Amino acid sequence: MYALELEELVSRVRRSGARKVLIQMPFGLRRYARDVAMAVERAGAISIIHADPCYGACDLALCAAERLGADMIAHYGHAEMPGLRSPSDMAIAFFEARMDIDVSDVVESALELLDAYGPIGVATTVQHIHKLRDVVELAERKGHKALVGRAGGRALYDGQVLGCDYTTVREIRDDVEAFLVVGSYFHALGVAISTGRPTVVANPYEGLAKRMDVEAKRVLARRYASVEEARKARLFGIIIGLKPGQMHIDVALRTRELVEKAGREALLLAADDIRPEYLADFTEIDAFVNTACPRLSLEEAGAFRRPLLTPPELEVALGISRWEDLCERGWFAAPGS
């Protein structure tokens, strides 16, 4: 189902002269870890599979690779992020693992849910980016004017969306009445929230089409409740992510300055993995501000006992900006991007 590009991997390893390669794969791809490892070995290098979670191209296992003495990281399942460079000389090869799956039937079902709208925007994740032109043509044959946003932010491709970056859809939201997203429910939910437009997901994994409007309103209500709870916070914990693409110390320092100007206190916390159980013992902290991966505040917020705000949400909690301003700006621009 996935294009593993094993021969290209062999070629990249040989060209780099790597003697030891660390393989990174997200959970959904680990069933193919043996095939990838054998390809590395066939290229004449030692293969080591990184067993920690891998959340995106921002989550490069540089420290692990250096400690293991690896010369190269083979990173699977994500596209390279423009502007994100390794601070070391470590060779990094990205393999996007695009999916060989027919999306036409589920897209047709999704288009039926969009009949009431005029121009629509089309977006997808990197696993289906090569199908985007086919989706646009299918939409146009069904009578829709279909637009695709240009690459920008952390997106490498036109029409690509990430869990932390919806630049491509926000660029065209004023030109469309609704969005069609080919991919997961989470990414479609992010499009709905970040654009404020009706959004339909064509989920090729389940073969189902679904409107995301109700779920988007439910999530917004939860986020609003977190912001309201944080208004009374006296001590904020400001989280600095330690993953290479999530470390935004400058954003954390500016955030602390905002908190202190508002007459509150702030503690800077650094974490590689941001988990509820890791933060639970900071009992004096009333609310947390997440400057690492913004999707944590959306996808995992319910697991945290206290509010886990994004920096724009903090501004609302402190009275610096309004909730309506936040809805206009969106939650999903990765800090520092």
Protein backbone atom coordinates (compact mmCIF):
# COMPACT_ATOMS: atom_id res chain seq x y z
CA MET A 1 0.00 0.00 0.00
CA TYR A 2 2.88 2.38 0.75
CA ALA A 3 5.70 3.36 -1.59
CA LEU A 4 8.74 2.54 0.52
CA GLU A 5 11.28 3.43 -2.21
CA LEU A 6 13.63 0.71 -1.04
CA GLU A 7 15.93 0.93 -4.06
CA GLU A 8 16.19 4.68 -3.60
CA LEU A 9 17.02 4.05 0.04
CA VAL A 10 19.80 1.66 -0.97
CA SER A 11 21.14 4.25 -3.40
CA ARG A 12 21.02 7.07 -0.84
CA VAL A 13 22.83 5.01 1.77
CA ARG A 14 25.56 4.02 -0.69
CA ARG A 15 26.00 7.56 -2.01
CA SER A 16 26.29 8.96 1.50
CA GLY A 17 28.87 6.39 2.53
CA ALA A 18 26.93 5.84 5.76
CA ARG A 19 28.07 2.90 7.87
CA LYS A 20 25.22 3.03 10.39
CA VAL A 21 21.66 4.21 9.65
CA LEU A 22 18.93 5.04 12.15
CA ILE A 23 15.45 4.36 10.76
CA GLN A 24 12.52 6.48 11.96
CA MET A 25 8.94 5.40 11.24
CA PRO A 26 5.56 6.48 12.62
CA PHE A 27 3.38 3.81 14.18
CA GLY A 28 1.34 3.05 11.07
CA LEU A 29 4.43 2.12 9.05
CA ARG A 30 6.28 -0.08 11.52
CA ARG A 31 4.92 -3.28 10.03
CA TYR A 32 7.38 -2.58 7.20
CA ALA A 33 10.38 -1.97 9.48
CA ARG A 34 12.00 -5.30 8.56
CA ASP A 35 11.86 -4.53 4.83
CA VAL A 36 13.44 -1.11 5.35
CA ALA A 37 16.13 -2.49 7.67
CA MET A 38 17.04 -5.21 5.18
CA ALA A 39 17.40 -2.60 2.43
CA VAL A 40 19.82 -0.63 4.60
CA GLU A 41 21.82 -3.78 5.29
CA ARG A 42 21.83 -4.57 1.57
CA ALA A 43 23.44 -1.18 1.01
CA GLY A 44 26.30 -2.21 3.29
CA ALA A 45 25.34 -0.31 6.45
CA ILE A 46 24.15 -1.35 9.91
CA SER A 47 20.45 -0.63 10.42
CA ILE A 48 18.96 0.43 13.75
CA ILE A 49 15.22 1.02 14.10
CA HIS A 50 14.21 3.88 16.37
CA ALA A 51 11.42 2.54 18.58
CA ASP A 52 10.34 5.82 20.19
CA PRO A 53 7.23 7.52 18.77
CA CYS A 54 7.73 9.64 15.65
CA TYR A 55 5.22 12.46 15.26
CA GLY A 56 6.42 14.25 12.14
CA ALA A 57 9.31 15.74 10.21
CA CYS A 58 9.78 18.09 13.16
CA ASP A 59 10.63 15.06 15.30
CA LEU A 60 14.05 14.11 13.94
CA ALA A 61 15.91 11.71 16.24
CA LEU A 62 19.18 13.64 16.04
CA CYS A 63 20.28 13.04 19.62
CA ALA A 64 19.59 9.31 19.38
CA ALA A 65 21.45 9.09 16.07
CA GLU A 66 24.48 10.88 17.47
CA ARG A 67 24.55 8.75 20.62
CA LEU A 68 24.38 5.61 18.49
CA GLY A 69 27.13 6.81 16.20
CA ALA A 70 24.82 6.79 13.17
CA ASP A 71 25.89 8.60 10.01
CA MET A 72 22.40 8.93 8.55
CA ILE A 73 18.71 9.05 9.47
CA ALA A 74 16.18 7.44 7.12
CA HIS A 75 12.95 9.21 8.06
CA TYR A 76 9.73 7.63 6.80
CA GLY A 77 6.17 8.86 6.49
CA HIS A 78 6.63 12.63 6.34
CA ALA A 79 7.74 15.25 3.84
CA GLU A 80 10.74 17.41 4.57
CA MET A 81 9.80 20.74 6.15
CA PRO A 82 11.12 23.76 4.24
CA GLY A 83 13.55 25.75 6.34
CA LEU A 84 14.00 23.02 8.95
CA ARG A 85 17.66 22.05 8.86
CA SER A 86 19.68 19.74 11.01
CA PRO A 87 22.01 21.67 13.34
CA SER A 88 24.58 18.92 12.83
CA ASP A 89 26.18 17.35 9.77
CA MET A 90 23.88 14.34 10.04
CA ALA A 91 22.65 13.09 6.66
CA ILE A 92 18.84 12.90 6.60
CA ALA A 93 16.86 11.14 3.90
CA PHE A 94 13.08 11.66 3.82
CA PHE A 95 10.82 8.98 2.34
CA GLU A 96 7.20 10.13 2.20
CA ALA A 97 5.60 6.66 1.96
CA ARG A 98 2.90 7.73 -0.45
CA MET A 99 -0.11 5.45 -0.61
CA ASP A 100 -1.15 3.47 -3.66
CA ILE A 101 -4.89 3.58 -3.03
CA ASP A 102 -7.84 4.57 -5.20
CA VAL A 103 -9.57 7.57 -3.65
CA SER A 104 -12.12 8.24 -6.41
CA ASP A 105 -15.12 6.48 -4.82
CA VAL A 106 -14.79 8.18 -1.45
CA VAL A 107 -14.12 11.54 -3.13
CA GLU A 108 -17.32 11.17 -5.14
CA SER A 109 -19.22 10.52 -1.92
CA ALA A 110 -17.65 13.61 -0.36
CA LEU A 111 -18.53 15.76 -3.35
CA GLU A 112 -22.19 14.84 -2.91
CA LEU A 113 -22.03 16.47 0.52
CA LEU A 114 -20.67 19.64 -1.10
CA ASP A 115 -23.39 20.08 -3.73
CA ALA A 116 -24.84 23.12 -1.99
CA TYR A 117 -21.61 25.11 -2.22
CA GLY A 118 -19.90 27.07 -4.96
CA PRO A 119 -16.10 27.06 -5.26
CA ILE A 120 -14.37 24.54 -3.01
CA GLY A 121 -10.82 24.23 -1.80
CA VAL A 122 -9.05 20.88 -2.01
CA ALA A 123 -6.33 19.69 0.35
CA THR A 124 -4.66 16.48 1.44
CA THR A 125 -1.76 15.00 3.39
CA VAL A 126 1.55 13.97 1.90
CA GLN A 127 0.46 10.31 1.57
CA HIS A 128 -2.08 11.33 -1.10
CA ILE A 129 -0.47 14.46 -2.56
CA HIS A 130 0.14 12.67 -5.86
CA LYS A 131 -3.64 12.14 -6.17
CA LEU A 132 -4.48 15.81 -5.77
CA ARG A 133 -4.69 16.60 -9.49
CA ASP A 134 -7.03 13.64 -10.00
CA VAL A 135 -9.25 14.87 -7.16
CA VAL A 136 -9.42 18.36 -8.65
CA GLU A 137 -10.33 16.98 -12.07
CA LEU A 138 -13.01 14.75 -10.57
CA ALA A 139 -14.48 17.70 -8.68
CA GLU A 140 -14.55 19.79 -11.84
CA ARG A 141 -16.26 17.00 -13.79
CA LYS A 142 -18.93 17.05 -11.08
CA GLY A 143 -19.47 20.76 -11.67
CA HIS A 144 -17.35 22.23 -8.89
CA LYS A 145 -14.75 24.95 -9.25
CA ALA A 146 -11.84 23.49 -7.27
CA LEU A 147 -8.91 25.52 -5.94
CA VAL A 148 -5.61 24.39 -4.42
CA GLY A 149 -3.57 26.61 -2.11
CA ARG A 150 0.10 27.20 -2.78
CA ALA A 151 2.83 25.65 -0.67
CA GLY A 152 3.91 27.79 2.25
CA GLY A 153 4.75 27.65 5.93
CA ARG A 154 5.86 24.12 6.70
CA ALA A 155 4.10 22.57 3.71
CA LEU A 156 6.40 21.38 0.92
CA TYR A 157 3.63 20.87 -1.66
CA ASP A 158 0.68 22.83 -2.98
CA GLY A 159 -2.47 21.67 -1.23
CA GLN A 160 -0.59 19.85 1.55
CA VAL A 161 -1.76 20.20 5.14
CA LEU A 162 0.07 19.15 8.30
CA GLY A 163 -1.14 18.72 11.84
CA CYS A 164 0.66 21.97 12.74
CA ASP A 165 0.32 23.98 9.52
CA TYR A 166 -2.73 24.87 7.42
CA THR A 167 -1.14 27.64 5.39
CA THR A 168 -2.27 26.20 2.05
CA VAL A 169 -5.98 26.27 2.95
CA ARG A 170 -5.93 29.58 4.78
CA GLU A 171 -4.43 31.16 1.67
CA ILE A 172 -7.57 30.39 -0.37
CA ARG A 173 -10.31 30.43 2.27
CA ASP A 174 -11.69 33.80 1.10
CA ASP A 175 -12.01 32.41 -2.43
CA VAL A 176 -14.00 29.28 -1.56
CA GLU A 177 -17.21 28.39 0.24
CA ALA A 178 -16.14 24.98 1.57
CA PHE A 179 -13.25 22.52 1.68
CA LEU A 180 -12.71 18.91 0.63
CA VAL A 181 -9.92 17.13 2.50
CA VAL A 182 -8.59 13.75 1.38
CA GLY A 183 -7.06 12.10 4.42
CA SER A 184 -7.71 11.63 8.12
CA TYR A 185 -10.46 13.08 10.27
CA PHE A 186 -7.88 14.97 12.32
CA HIS A 187 -6.48 16.89 9.36
CA ALA A 188 -9.99 17.68 8.12
CA LEU A 189 -10.89 18.93 11.59
CA GLY A 190 -7.84 21.19 11.50
CA VAL A 191 -8.95 22.60 8.14
CA ALA A 192 -12.47 23.27 9.47
CA ILE A 193 -11.18 25.07 12.56
CA SER A 194 -8.39 27.02 10.90
CA THR A 195 -10.54 28.28 8.02
CA GLY A 196 -14.00 28.53 9.56
CA ARG A 197 -15.45 27.03 6.37
CA PRO A 198 -17.69 23.95 6.02
CA THR A 199 -15.37 20.99 5.54
CA VAL A 200 -15.95 17.47 4.27
CA VAL A 201 -13.41 14.70 4.69
CA ALA A 202 -12.92 11.91 2.16
CA ASN A 203 -11.29 9.29 4.37
CA PRO A 204 -9.68 6.67 2.10
CA TYR A 205 -8.67 4.47 5.03
CA GLU A 206 -12.29 3.78 5.97
CA GLY A 207 -13.89 4.61 2.63
CA LEU A 208 -16.18 7.13 4.31
CA ALA A 209 -17.11 10.76 3.65
CA LYS A 210 -18.19 12.96 6.54
CA ARG A 211 -18.93 16.58 7.36
CA MET A 212 -16.68 17.96 10.09
CA ASP A 213 -18.76 21.01 11.10
CA VAL A 214 -20.34 19.55 14.24
CA GLU A 215 -17.05 18.18 15.55
CA ALA A 216 -15.31 21.50 14.82
CA LYS A 217 -17.90 23.38 16.90
CA ARG A 218 -17.49 20.87 19.71
CA VAL A 219 -13.71 21.32 19.73
CA LEU A 220 -14.01 25.10 19.64
CA ALA A 221 -16.31 24.95 22.66
CA ARG A 222 -13.72 22.90 24.54
CA ARG A 223 -10.95 25.32 23.59
CA TYR A 224 -13.07 28.28 24.70
CA ALA A 225 -13.67 26.57 28.05
CA SER A 226 -9.92 26.07 28.51
CA VAL A 227 -9.24 29.73 27.76
CA GLU A 228 -11.92 30.82 30.23
CA GLU A 229 -10.48 28.56 32.93
CA ALA A 230 -6.99 29.97 32.33
CA ARG A 231 -8.18 33.57 32.81
CA LYS A 232 -7.94 33.12 36.58
CA ALA A 233 -4.53 31.39 36.51
CA ARG A 234 -1.77 33.01 38.56
CA LEU A 235 1.12 30.70 37.66
CA PHE A 236 1.68 29.55 34.08
CA GLY A 237 4.01 26.76 32.99
CA ILE A 238 5.47 27.62 29.58
CA ILE A 239 6.57 24.49 27.76
CA ILE A 240 9.59 24.48 25.45
CA GLY A 241 9.71 21.46 23.14
CA LEU A 242 13.06 19.73 22.77
CA LYS A 243 12.37 18.08 19.41
CA PRO A 244 14.38 19.79 16.62
CA GLY A 245 11.37 21.28 14.84
CA GLN A 246 9.50 22.14 18.02
CA MET A 247 12.12 24.08 19.99
CA HIS A 248 11.03 27.72 20.03
CA ILE A 249 12.88 29.28 22.93
CA ASP A 250 12.33 32.81 21.59
CA VAL A 251 8.56 32.23 21.52
CA ALA A 252 8.66 30.87 25.08
CA LEU A 253 10.60 33.92 26.30
CA ARG A 254 8.17 36.32 24.62
CA THR A 255 5.31 34.36 26.15
CA ARG A 256 6.84 34.65 29.62
CA GLU A 257 7.19 38.38 29.11
CA LEU A 258 3.48 38.67 28.25
CA VAL A 259 2.54 36.71 31.37
CA GLU A 260 4.71 38.86 33.62
CA LYS A 261 3.43 42.11 32.08
CA ALA A 262 -0.07 40.91 32.96
CA GLY A 263 0.98 40.63 36.61
CA ARG A 264 1.14 36.82 36.65
CA GLU A 265 4.03 34.42 37.18
CA ALA A 266 5.61 31.99 34.73
CA LEU A 267 7.94 29.00 34.86
CA LEU A 268 9.81 27.72 31.81
CA LEU A 269 9.59 23.95 31.36
CA ALA A 270 11.50 21.91 28.77
CA ALA A 271 10.28 18.52 27.59
CA ASP A 272 10.95 16.12 24.77
CA ASP A 273 7.60 14.37 25.16
CA ILE A 274 4.73 16.42 26.57
CA ARG A 275 2.47 14.01 28.42
CA PRO A 276 -0.19 14.53 31.10
CA GLU A 277 1.56 12.29 33.60
CA TYR A 278 4.80 14.26 33.20
CA LEU A 279 3.06 17.54 34.05
CA ALA A 280 0.74 16.28 36.78
CA ASP A 281 3.25 16.75 39.61
CA PHE A 282 3.62 20.49 38.92
CA THR A 283 0.70 21.04 41.26
CA GLU A 284 1.31 24.77 41.80
CA ILE A 285 0.95 25.55 38.10
CA ASP A 286 -2.57 26.65 37.20
CA ALA A 287 -2.29 26.44 33.40
CA PHE A 288 0.26 25.47 30.77
CA VAL A 289 1.23 27.20 27.53
CA ASN A 290 2.45 24.89 24.80
CA THR A 291 5.04 26.45 22.47
CA ALA A 292 6.02 23.07 20.98
CA CYS A 293 3.52 21.23 18.75
CA PRO A 294 0.19 23.10 18.51
CA ARG A 295 -1.78 19.94 17.73
CA LEU A 296 -1.20 18.74 21.31
CA SER A 297 -3.49 21.47 22.56
CA LEU A 298 -6.16 20.35 20.12
CA GLU A 299 -5.84 16.58 19.98
CA GLU A 300 -4.69 15.70 23.50
CA ALA A 301 -6.03 18.58 25.60
CA GLY A 302 -8.70 16.46 27.26
CA ALA A 303 -6.03 14.27 28.83
CA PHE A 304 -4.50 17.17 30.77
CA ARG A 305 -6.02 18.13 34.11
CA ARG A 306 -5.32 21.82 33.62
CA PRO A 307 -5.61 24.06 30.55
CA LEU A 308 -2.97 23.50 27.85
CA LEU A 309 -3.09 26.68 25.79
CA THR A 310 -1.44 27.72 22.56
CA PRO A 311 0.33 31.12 22.65
CA PRO A 312 -2.57 32.85 20.78
CA GLU A 313 -5.03 31.36 23.28
CA LEU A 314 -2.92 32.74 26.12
CA GLU A 315 -3.31 36.23 24.67
CA VAL A 316 -7.08 35.81 24.91
CA ALA A 317 -6.84 34.51 28.49
CA LEU A 318 -4.73 37.54 29.45
CA GLY A 319 -7.11 39.98 27.77
CA ILE A 320 -4.56 41.02 25.13
CA SER A 321 -6.74 39.88 22.24
CA ARG A 322 -10.32 38.69 21.74
CA TRP A 323 -11.68 35.22 21.08
CA GLU A 324 -12.86 36.49 17.71
CA ASP A 325 -9.29 37.53 16.87
CA LEU A 326 -8.11 34.02 17.67
CA CYS A 327 -10.74 32.49 15.40
CA GLU A 328 -9.47 34.74 12.62
CA ARG A 329 -5.78 33.99 13.21
CA GLY A 330 -6.14 30.28 13.82
CA TRP A 331 -4.40 27.96 16.24
CA PHE A 332 -2.27 26.00 13.88
CA ALA A 333 0.65 28.10 12.78
CA ALA A 334 3.63 26.36 14.35
CA PRO A 335 5.40 28.77 16.72
CA GLY A 336 8.36 30.40 15.06
CA SER A 337 7.24 29.51 11.52
